[in-house]
C-alpha atoms as a PDB file:
ATOM      1  CA  MET A   1       0.379   0.131  -0.083  1.00  0.00           C
ATOM      2  CA  SER A   2       1.608   3.022  -0.813  1.00  0.00           C
ATOM      3  CA  PRO A   3       2.616   5.661   1.999  1.00  0.00           C
ATOM      4  CA  PHE A   4      -0.600   8.103   0.383  1.00  0.00           C
ATOM      5  CA  ILE A   5      -3.048   6.097   0.321  1.00  0.00           C
ATOM      6  CA  PRO A   6      -4.023   7.006   4.596  1.00  0.00           C
ATOM      7  CA  ILE A   7      -3.880  10.888   3.766  1.00  0.00           C
ATOM      8  CA  ALA A   8      -5.944  10.262   0.769  1.00  0.00           C
ATOM      9  CA  VAL A   9      -8.328   8.237   3.072  1.00  0.00           C
ATOM     10  CA  LEU A  10      -7.623  10.860   5.490  1.00  0.00           C
ATOM     11  CA  VAL A  11      -9.253  13.400   2.613  1.00  0.00           C
ATOM     12  CA  ALA A  12     -12.130  11.401   1.481  1.00  0.00           C
ATOM     13  CA  GLY A  13     -13.221  11.454   4.549  1.00  0.00           C
ATOM     14  CA  SER A  14     -13.321  15.172   5.264  1.00  0.00           C
ATOM     15  CA  LEU A  15     -14.970  15.491   2.180  1.00  0.00           C
ATOM     16  CA  GLY A  16     -17.924  12.326   2.498  1.00  0.00           C
ATOM     17  CA  ALA A  17     -18.181  14.370   6.338  1.00  0.00           C
ATOM     18  CA  LEU A  18     -19.016  17.837   4.133  1.00  0.00           C
ATOM     19  CA  ALA A  19     -21.173  16.348   1.792  1.00  0.00           C
ATOM     20  CA  ARG A  20     -22.893  14.392   4.967  1.00  0.00           C
ATOM     21  CA  TYR A  21     -23.681  17.781   6.142  1.00  0.00           C
ATOM     22  CA  GLY A  22     -24.375  19.492   3.346  1.00  0.00           C
ATOM     23  CA  VAL A  23     -27.597  17.092   2.659  1.00  0.00           C
ATOM     24  CA  THR A  24     -28.256  17.605   7.058  1.00  0.00           C
ATOM     25  CA  GLN A  25     -28.358  21.463   6.076  1.00  0.00           C
ATOM     26  CA  ALA A  26     -30.611  20.765   2.919  1.00  0.00           C
ATOM     27  CA  PHE A  27     -33.725  18.520   4.761  1.00  0.00           C
ATOM     28  CA  ALA A  28     -33.057  20.234   7.942  1.00  0.00           C
ATOM     29  CA  SER A  29     -37.116  21.636   8.689  1.00  0.00           C
ATOM     30  CA  THR A  30     -38.470  17.761   7.775  1.00  0.00           C
ATOM     31  CA  ARG A  31     -38.924  16.806  11.263  1.00  0.00           C
ATOM     32  CA  PRO A  32     -39.881  14.475  12.293  1.00  0.00           C
ATOM     33  CA  PHE A  33     -38.022  11.966  10.123  1.00  0.00           C
ATOM     34  CA  PRO A  34     -34.415  11.870   9.881  1.00  0.00           C
ATOM     35  CA  TRP A  35     -34.072  11.831   6.253  1.00  0.00           C
ATOM     36  CA  ALA A  36     -31.101  13.267   5.597  1.00  0.00           C
ATOM     37  CA  VAL A  37     -29.565   9.827   7.761  1.00  0.00           C
ATOM     38  CA  LEU A  38     -31.714   7.327   5.129  1.00  0.00           C
ATOM     39  CA  ILE A  39     -30.303   9.393   2.330  1.00  0.00           C
ATOM     40  CA  VAL A  40     -26.612   9.466   3.128  1.00  0.00           C
ATOM     41  CA  ASN A  41     -26.310   5.741   4.037  1.00  0.00           C
ATOM     42  CA  VAL A  42     -28.803   4.366   1.064  1.00  0.00           C
ATOM     43  CA  ILE A  43     -26.136   6.645  -1.068  1.00  0.00           C
ATOM     44  CA  GLY A  44     -22.688   5.470   0.420  1.00  0.00           C
ATOM     45  CA  SER A  45     -24.243   1.751   0.726  1.00  0.00           C
ATOM     46  CA  GLY A  46     -24.584   2.380  -3.192  1.00  0.00           C
ATOM     47  CA  ILE A  47     -20.679   3.728  -3.264  1.00  0.00           C
ATOM     48  CA  GLY A  48     -19.908   0.660  -2.413  1.00  0.00           C
ATOM     49  CA  GLY A  49     -21.598  -2.131  -4.221  1.00  0.00           C
ATOM     50  CA  THR A  50     -20.545  -0.843  -6.867  1.00  0.00           C
ATOM     51  CA  LEU A  51     -16.792  -0.097  -5.768  1.00  0.00           C
ATOM     52  CA  LEU A  52     -16.779  -4.197  -4.324  1.00  0.00           C
ATOM     53  CA  ALA A  53     -18.326  -4.732  -7.555  1.00  0.00           C
ATOM     54  CA  LEU A  54     -15.750  -3.117  -9.535  1.00  0.00           C
ATOM     55  CA  VAL A  55     -12.748  -5.287  -7.630  1.00  0.00           C
ATOM     56  CA  HIS A  56     -14.312  -8.232  -8.248  1.00  0.00           C
ATOM     57  CA  VAL A  57     -15.303  -7.587 -12.013  1.00  0.00           C
ATOM     58  CA  THR A  58     -12.852  -5.044 -13.585  1.00  0.00           C
ATOM     59  CA  GLY A  59      -9.596  -5.864 -10.990  1.00  0.00           C
ATOM     60  CA  ILE A  60      -9.333  -1.791  -9.796  1.00  0.00           C
ATOM     61  CA  SER A  61      -6.326  -1.247  -6.664  1.00  0.00           C
ATOM     62  CA  PRO A  62      -8.220  -2.533  -3.615  1.00  0.00           C
ATOM     63  CA  ASP A  63      -6.141   1.252  -2.945  1.00  0.00           C
ATOM     64  CA  TRP A  64      -8.792   2.959  -4.129  1.00  0.00           C
ATOM     65  CA  TYR A  65     -12.001   0.926  -2.494  1.00  0.00           C
ATOM     66  CA  THR A  66     -10.231   1.905   0.841  1.00  0.00           C
ATOM     67  CA  VAL A  67     -10.036   5.590  -0.641  1.00  0.00           C
ATOM     68  CA  ILE A  68     -13.692   6.116  -1.475  1.00  0.00           C
ATOM     69  CA  VAL A  69     -14.957   3.508   0.229  1.00  0.00           C
ATOM     70  CA  THR A  70     -13.168   3.627   3.168  1.00  0.00           C
ATOM     71  CA  GLY A  71     -13.102   7.634   3.621  1.00  0.00           C
ATOM     72  CA  PHE A  72     -15.830   8.741   1.297  1.00  0.00           C
ATOM     73  CA  ALA A  73     -18.585   6.748   2.519  1.00  0.00           C
ATOM     74  CA  GLY A  74     -16.842   6.238   5.935  1.00  0.00           C
ATOM     75  CA  GLY A  75     -17.850  10.427   5.794  1.00  0.00           C
ATOM     76  CA  LEU A  76     -20.711  10.418   4.576  1.00  0.00           C
ATOM     77  CA  THR A  77     -22.248   7.499   6.228  1.00  0.00           C
ATOM     78  CA  THR A  78     -23.676   7.344   9.841  1.00  0.00           C
ATOM     79  CA  PHE A  79     -25.078   4.703  11.564  1.00  0.00           C
ATOM     80  CA  SER A  80     -24.061   6.941  15.103  1.00  0.00           C
ATOM     81  CA  THR A  81     -26.408   9.561  14.108  1.00  0.00           C
ATOM     82  CA  TRP A  82     -28.071   7.775  12.846  1.00  0.00           C
ATOM     83  CA  SER A  83     -28.961   5.129  16.501  1.00  0.00           C
ATOM     84  CA  VAL A  84     -29.411   8.605  18.269  1.00  0.00           C
ATOM     85  CA  GLN A  85     -32.069   9.525  15.832  1.00  0.00           C
ATOM     86  CA  THR A  86     -33.443   6.348  16.417  1.00  0.00           C
ATOM     87  CA  ILE A  87     -33.432   6.874  20.033  1.00  0.00           C
ATOM     88  CA  GLN A  88     -35.328   9.874  20.305  1.00  0.00           C
ATOM     89  CA  LEU A  89     -37.954   9.575  18.074  1.00  0.00           C
ATOM     90  CA  ILE A  90     -38.749   6.308  20.097  1.00  0.00           C
ATOM     91  CA  SER A  91     -38.710   8.913  23.303  1.00  0.00           C
ATOM     92  CA  ASP A  92     -40.658  11.639  22.097  1.00  0.00           C
ATOM     93  CA  ASP A  93     -43.257   9.368  21.416  1.00  0.00           C
ATOM     94  CA  HIS A  94     -42.404   9.236  17.410  1.00  0.00           C
ATOM     95  CA  TRP A  95     -42.566   5.222  17.044  1.00  0.00           C
ATOM     96  CA  ARG A  96     -44.069   5.077  13.719  1.00  0.00           C
ATOM     97  CA  GLU A  97     -41.418   6.672  12.522  1.00  0.00           C
ATOM     98  CA  ALA A  98     -38.623   5.625  13.936  1.00  0.00           C
ATOM     99  CA  ALA A  99     -39.711   1.934  12.696  1.00  0.00           C
ATOM    100  CA  LEU A 100     -39.687   3.379   9.515  1.00  0.00           C
ATOM    101  CA  SER A 101     -36.191   4.580   9.949  1.00  0.00           C
ATOM    102  CA  VAL A 102     -34.571   1.822  10.846  1.00  0.00           C
ATOM    103  CA  GLY A 103     -36.749  -0.378   8.114  1.00  0.00           C
ATOM    104  CA  LEU A 104     -35.229   1.741   5.521  1.00  0.00           C
ATOM    105  CA  ASN A 105     -31.934   2.311   6.505  1.00  0.00           C
ATOM    106  CA  LEU A 106     -31.880  -1.993   6.488  1.00  0.00           C
ATOM    107  CA  VAL A 107     -33.894  -2.775   3.508  1.00  0.00           C
ATOM    108  CA  VAL A 108     -33.252   0.160   1.368  1.00  0.00           C
ATOM    109  CA  GLY A 109     -29.204   0.490   2.517  1.00  0.00           C
ATOM    110  CA  VAL A 110     -28.634  -3.455   1.460  1.00  0.00           C
ATOM    111  CA  GLY A 111     -30.592  -3.126  -1.504  1.00  0.00           C
ATOM    112  CA  ALA A 112     -28.971  -0.398  -3.222  1.00  0.00           C
ATOM    113  CA  VAL A 113     -25.324  -1.968  -2.210  1.00  0.00           C
ATOM    114  CA  PHE A 114     -27.648  -5.229  -4.187  1.00  0.00           C
ATOM    115  CA  ALA A 115     -28.649  -2.770  -7.152  1.00  0.00           C
ATOM    116  CA  ALA A 116     -25.434  -1.190  -7.688  1.00  0.00           C
ATOM    117  CA  TYR A 117     -22.542  -4.737  -7.410  1.00  0.00           C
ATOM    118  CA  GLY A 118     -25.515  -5.499  -9.520  1.00  0.00           C
ATOM    119  CA  ILE A 119     -26.026  -2.381 -12.195  1.00  0.00           C
ATOM    120  CA  VAL A 120     -21.951  -3.081 -12.108  1.00  0.00           C
ATOM    121  CA  THR A 121     -21.345  -7.186 -13.034  1.00  0.00           C
ATOM    122  CA  VAL A 122     -23.664  -6.477 -15.230  1.00  0.00           C
ATOM    123  CA  ALA A 123     -22.499  -3.354 -18.110  1.00  0.00           C
ATOM    124  CA  ALA A 124     -18.689  -5.343 -17.275  1.00  0.00           C
ATOM    125  CA  GLY A 125     -20.613  -8.368 -18.724  1.00  0.00           C
END
């Protein structure tokens, strides 16, 4: 692994975190459902599925996977915020929104990985 990979992960992670901040600000008024967290988690899952397929199908360098998935997607997505927001929703008696958020993050997030992986592998033929 190149000594520049950790620096690239740092820069990519910072860009992912800034993108998450932008999405959070764009959806700041959509209470009580945490749309921003769902969106960044699904996008990050799609990025992960895409890069995983590219590693398997095209043999791109695992370094790219590390920089983009660990760095950018890692900075973009957020398990901790999702967990905290779920507890906040429950504490505020928004049980339905909490359950919907948990279900959508899991189903749509994993679905995004499968869809992206499938699209890339089919396209690579």
